[in-house]
Structure formats: C-alpha cells, structure tokens
Amino acid sequence: MLLDFRRKFMEAQQNDRKRCEHALTLLQELYAIERKAKQEILTAEAVLALRQEKSVPVRRELREWMIAEYPKVLPSSAIGTAITYSLRR
C-alpha cells in the first residue's frame, strides 16, 4: 500500500515538488519503522505495538496534511490526483 502512495507522489514531483517532498518524507518515516520491525525480527505483537506507537502518529499527520492541502490544489493535477488517491485508501 505504501508503495502505491509513494509512486503517486513520485510521479507528481514535477507538478509540485514542495508538497511531494513533504509527503515523501513522511512516507520514508513509515518505511523506516517497517524496516526496524523487520531488522529486529519482532513478534507479531511487538510489530503491532511498534506500529501503534510510531506509525499511527505519522499516518495521522500525513492524512491531516493531505486534507489541509487538497483544497489548495487542482483536483486534476498530478498532486491533486496523488492526494485523492491516498486519501481514498
């Protein structure tokens, strides 16, 4: 799922670099959390706890940011499409 979000924002960089970089930075934080879970070979319960502690706040921040930014962009633009796609999932 994260790959799809990332791909949409990567494709939109030429349209709106600043917004895309912000979204991609937050997505990189999520990737880092998943990498940590994999590297530490955590149990399912530990992975869930890690995600609840670290990923949920980042996902919330990303969602709130997208909701705030969406009215500022053209819905049919690449960044508008990326935000719409991400918010629907």
N, C-alpha and C. Protein backbone atom coordinates (compact mmCIF):
# COMPACT_ATOMS: atom_id res chain seq x y z
N MET A 1 0.83 -1.19 0.00
CA MET A 1 0.00 0.00 0.00
C MET A 1 0.88 1.26 0.00
N LEU A 2 1.92 1.26 0.83
CA LEU A 2 2.79 2.44 0.87
C LEU A 2 3.46 2.68 -0.48
N LEU A 3 3.77 1.60 -1.19
CA LEU A 3 4.41 1.76 -2.50
C LEU A 3 3.51 2.51 -3.46
N ASP A 4 2.21 2.23 -3.41
CA ASP A 4 1.27 2.93 -4.28
C ASP A 4 1.23 4.42 -3.96
N PHE A 5 1.18 4.75 -2.67
CA PHE A 5 1.17 6.16 -2.26
C PHE A 5 2.45 6.84 -2.73
N ARG A 6 3.56 6.17 -2.46
CA ARG A 6 4.86 6.73 -2.81
C ARG A 6 4.95 6.97 -4.31
N ARG A 7 4.52 6.00 -5.09
CA ARG A 7 4.59 6.12 -6.55
C ARG A 7 3.80 7.33 -7.04
N LYS A 8 2.60 7.53 -6.50
CA LYS A 8 1.78 8.67 -6.93
C LYS A 8 2.47 10.00 -6.62
N PHE A 9 3.08 10.10 -5.45
CA PHE A 9 3.77 11.35 -5.10
C PHE A 9 5.06 11.51 -5.88
N MET A 10 5.73 10.41 -6.20
CA MET A 10 6.94 10.50 -7.04
C MET A 10 6.56 11.02 -8.42
N GLU A 11 5.46 10.52 -8.95
CA GLU A 11 5.01 10.95 -10.28
C GLU A 11 4.61 12.43 -10.29
N ALA A 12 4.18 12.95 -9.17
CA ALA A 12 3.70 14.33 -9.09
C ALA A 12 4.80 15.34 -8.78
N GLN A 13 6.02 14.90 -8.59
CA GLN A 13 7.08 15.83 -8.19
C GLN A 13 7.29 16.98 -9.16
N GLN A 14 7.18 16.73 -10.44
CA GLN A 14 7.37 17.81 -11.41
C GLN A 14 6.25 18.84 -11.32
N ASN A 15 5.10 18.40 -10.85
CA ASN A 15 3.94 19.27 -10.71
C ASN A 15 4.05 20.16 -9.48
N ASP A 16 4.51 19.58 -8.36
CA ASP A 16 4.55 20.32 -7.10
C ASP A 16 5.60 19.70 -6.18
N ARG A 17 6.83 20.06 -6.40
CA ARG A 17 7.95 19.46 -5.68
C ARG A 17 7.85 19.62 -4.16
N LYS A 18 7.49 20.80 -3.70
CA LYS A 18 7.46 21.07 -2.26
C LYS A 18 6.47 20.16 -1.54
N ARG A 19 5.27 20.08 -2.05
CA ARG A 19 4.26 19.22 -1.41
C ARG A 19 4.67 17.75 -1.50
N CYS A 20 5.18 17.35 -2.64
CA CYS A 20 5.59 15.95 -2.80
C CYS A 20 6.72 15.59 -1.85
N GLU A 21 7.66 16.47 -1.70
CA GLU A 21 8.78 16.19 -0.79
C GLU A 21 8.28 16.02 0.64
N HIS A 22 7.31 16.82 1.03
CA HIS A 22 6.76 16.69 2.38
C HIS A 22 6.11 15.32 2.55
N ALA A 23 5.26 14.96 1.60
CA ALA A 23 4.59 13.65 1.67
C ALA A 23 5.60 12.51 1.64
N LEU A 24 6.58 12.60 0.77
CA LEU A 24 7.58 11.54 0.65
C LEU A 24 8.43 11.42 1.91
N THR A 25 8.69 12.52 2.58
CA THR A 25 9.43 12.48 3.84
C THR A 25 8.64 11.70 4.90
N LEU A 26 7.35 11.97 4.98
CA LEU A 26 6.52 11.23 5.94
C LEU A 26 6.43 9.75 5.56
N LEU A 27 6.33 9.47 4.29
CA LEU A 27 6.30 8.08 3.85
C LEU A 27 7.61 7.37 4.17
N GLN A 28 8.72 8.09 4.05
CA GLN A 28 10.01 7.50 4.40
C GLN A 28 10.08 7.15 5.88
N GLU A 29 9.45 7.96 6.71
CA GLU A 29 9.39 7.63 8.14
C GLU A 29 8.66 6.31 8.35
N LEU A 30 7.59 6.11 7.61
CA LEU A 30 6.84 4.85 7.72
C LEU A 30 7.67 3.67 7.24
N TYR A 31 8.40 3.86 6.16
CA TYR A 31 9.29 2.80 5.67
C TYR A 31 10.35 2.46 6.72
N ALA A 32 10.88 3.48 7.37
CA ALA A 32 11.92 3.26 8.39
C ALA A 32 11.37 2.45 9.56
N ILE A 33 10.15 2.71 9.93
CA ILE A 33 9.52 1.95 11.03
C ILE A 33 9.36 0.49 10.62
N GLU A 34 8.92 0.25 9.41
CA GLU A 34 8.76 -1.12 8.92
C GLU A 34 10.11 -1.83 8.81
N ARG A 35 11.13 -1.09 8.38
CA ARG A 35 12.49 -1.65 8.29
C ARG A 35 12.98 -2.07 9.67
N LYS A 36 12.72 -1.21 10.65
CA LYS A 36 13.14 -1.51 12.03
C LYS A 36 12.46 -2.79 12.52
N ALA A 37 11.18 -2.93 12.25
CA ALA A 37 10.46 -4.13 12.68
C ALA A 37 11.05 -5.38 12.04
N LYS A 38 11.42 -5.26 10.78
CA LYS A 38 11.98 -6.41 10.06
C LYS A 38 13.39 -6.74 10.56
N GLN A 39 14.21 -5.72 10.75
CA GLN A 39 15.60 -5.92 11.18
C GLN A 39 15.67 -6.51 12.58
N GLU A 40 14.76 -6.11 13.43
CA GLU A 40 14.78 -6.59 14.81
C GLU A 40 14.05 -7.91 14.99
N ILE A 41 13.48 -8.42 13.91
CA ILE A 41 12.77 -9.69 13.91
C ILE A 41 11.79 -9.74 15.10
N LEU A 42 10.89 -8.81 15.09
CA LEU A 42 9.92 -8.68 16.19
C LEU A 42 8.78 -9.68 16.06
N THR A 43 8.19 -10.01 17.17
CA THR A 43 6.99 -10.85 17.17
C THR A 43 5.84 -10.03 16.60
N ALA A 44 4.76 -10.72 16.24
CA ALA A 44 3.59 -10.02 15.69
C ALA A 44 3.07 -8.99 16.69
N GLU A 45 3.08 -9.34 17.96
CA GLU A 45 2.60 -8.41 18.98
C GLU A 45 3.51 -7.19 19.09
N ALA A 46 4.82 -7.43 18.99
CA ALA A 46 5.77 -6.32 19.08
C ALA A 46 5.67 -5.42 17.85
N VAL A 47 5.44 -6.01 16.68
CA VAL A 47 5.27 -5.22 15.46
C VAL A 47 4.02 -4.34 15.59
N LEU A 48 2.96 -4.92 16.09
CA LEU A 48 1.72 -4.16 16.30
C LEU A 48 1.95 -3.00 17.27
N ALA A 49 2.65 -3.27 18.36
CA ALA A 49 2.93 -2.22 19.35
C ALA A 49 3.79 -1.12 18.74
N LEU A 50 4.80 -1.51 17.96
CA LEU A 50 5.67 -0.53 17.30
C LEU A 50 4.87 0.33 16.34
N ARG A 51 4.02 -0.30 15.55
CA ARG A 51 3.20 0.45 14.60
C ARG A 51 2.24 1.39 15.32
N GLN A 52 1.65 0.93 16.40
CA GLN A 52 0.73 1.78 17.16
C GLN A 52 1.45 3.00 17.72
N GLU A 53 2.65 2.76 18.21
CA GLU A 53 3.41 3.85 18.84
C GLU A 53 4.01 4.81 17.82
N LYS A 54 4.58 4.27 16.74
CA LYS A 54 5.35 5.10 15.81
C LYS A 54 4.60 5.42 14.51
N SER A 55 3.96 4.42 13.91
CA SER A 55 3.35 4.62 12.59
C SER A 55 2.04 5.39 12.65
N VAL A 56 1.22 5.11 13.64
CA VAL A 56 -0.10 5.76 13.71
C VAL A 56 0.04 7.28 13.75
N PRO A 57 0.92 7.85 14.56
CA PRO A 57 1.04 9.32 14.55
C PRO A 57 1.51 9.87 13.20
N VAL A 58 2.40 9.16 12.53
CA VAL A 58 2.89 9.63 11.22
C VAL A 58 1.77 9.55 10.20
N ARG A 59 1.04 8.45 10.20
CA ARG A 59 -0.10 8.31 9.28
C ARG A 59 -1.15 9.39 9.54
N ARG A 60 -1.40 9.67 10.80
CA ARG A 60 -2.36 10.72 11.15
C ARG A 60 -1.88 12.08 10.63
N GLU A 61 -0.61 12.36 10.84
CA GLU A 61 -0.04 13.63 10.36
C GLU A 61 -0.15 13.74 8.84
N LEU A 62 0.16 12.65 8.15
CA LEU A 62 0.08 12.65 6.69
C LEU A 62 -1.36 12.88 6.22
N ARG A 63 -2.29 12.20 6.85
CA ARG A 63 -3.70 12.34 6.47
C ARG A 63 -4.19 13.77 6.72
N GLU A 64 -3.88 14.31 7.88
CA GLU A 64 -4.31 15.69 8.20
C GLU A 64 -3.69 16.69 7.23
N TRP A 65 -2.42 16.46 6.88
CA TRP A 65 -1.75 17.34 5.94
C TRP A 65 -2.43 17.27 4.57
N MET A 66 -2.75 16.06 4.11
CA MET A 66 -3.40 15.91 2.80
C MET A 66 -4.78 16.58 2.80
N ILE A 67 -5.52 16.43 3.87
CA ILE A 67 -6.84 17.06 3.96
C ILE A 67 -6.70 18.59 3.91
N ALA A 68 -5.68 19.11 4.57
CA ALA A 68 -5.46 20.56 4.58
C ALA A 68 -4.98 21.07 3.22
N GLU A 69 -4.17 20.29 2.53
CA GLU A 69 -3.58 20.73 1.26
C GLU A 69 -4.52 20.54 0.07
N TYR A 70 -5.41 19.57 0.14
CA TYR A 70 -6.25 19.26 -1.01
C TYR A 70 -7.02 20.46 -1.56
N PRO A 71 -7.62 21.29 -0.71
CA PRO A 71 -8.36 22.45 -1.26
C PRO A 71 -7.45 23.47 -1.96
N LYS A 72 -6.16 23.37 -1.76
CA LYS A 72 -5.22 24.33 -2.33
C LYS A 72 -4.69 23.91 -3.69
N VAL A 73 -5.03 22.70 -4.14
CA VAL A 73 -4.50 22.18 -5.41
C VAL A 73 -5.65 21.90 -6.37
N LEU A 74 -5.31 21.84 -7.64
CA LEU A 74 -6.31 21.46 -8.64
C LEU A 74 -6.53 19.95 -8.55
N PRO A 75 -7.76 19.52 -8.42
CA PRO A 75 -8.04 18.08 -8.28
C PRO A 75 -7.50 17.24 -9.43
N SER A 76 -7.46 17.81 -10.63
CA SER A 76 -7.00 17.05 -11.79
C SER A 76 -5.48 17.11 -11.99
N SER A 77 -4.79 17.91 -11.17
CA SER A 77 -3.33 17.99 -11.28
C SER A 77 -2.70 16.70 -10.73
N ALA A 78 -1.44 16.51 -11.00
CA ALA A 78 -0.74 15.31 -10.53
C ALA A 78 -0.75 15.24 -9.00
N ILE A 79 -0.51 16.38 -8.33
CA ILE A 79 -0.51 16.37 -6.87
C ILE A 79 -1.94 16.17 -6.35
N GLY A 80 -2.91 16.75 -7.01
CA GLY A 80 -4.31 16.54 -6.62
C GLY A 80 -4.71 15.08 -6.75
N THR A 81 -4.27 14.45 -7.82
CA THR A 81 -4.54 13.03 -8.03
C THR A 81 -3.86 12.18 -6.97
N ALA A 82 -2.62 12.52 -6.64
CA ALA A 82 -1.88 11.77 -5.61
C ALA A 82 -2.57 11.87 -4.25
N ILE A 83 -2.99 13.07 -3.91
CA ILE A 83 -3.68 13.27 -2.62
C ILE A 83 -5.01 12.53 -2.61
N THR A 84 -5.78 12.67 -3.69
CA THR A 84 -7.08 11.99 -3.77
C THR A 84 -6.90 10.49 -3.65
N TYR A 85 -5.97 9.95 -4.40
CA TYR A 85 -5.70 8.51 -4.38
C TYR A 85 -5.35 8.05 -2.95
N SER A 86 -4.49 8.78 -2.30
CA SER A 86 -4.03 8.41 -0.96
C SER A 86 -5.13 8.53 0.08
N LEU A 87 -5.92 9.58 0.00
CA LEU A 87 -7.00 9.77 0.98
C LEU A 87 -8.08 8.69 0.86
N ARG A 88 -8.27 8.20 -0.34
CA ARG A 88 -9.30 7.16 -0.53
C ARG A 88 -8.88 5.82 0.03
N ARG A 89 -7.63 5.67 0.36
CA ARG A 89 -7.14 4.41 0.88
C ARG A 89 -6.76 4.59 2.30
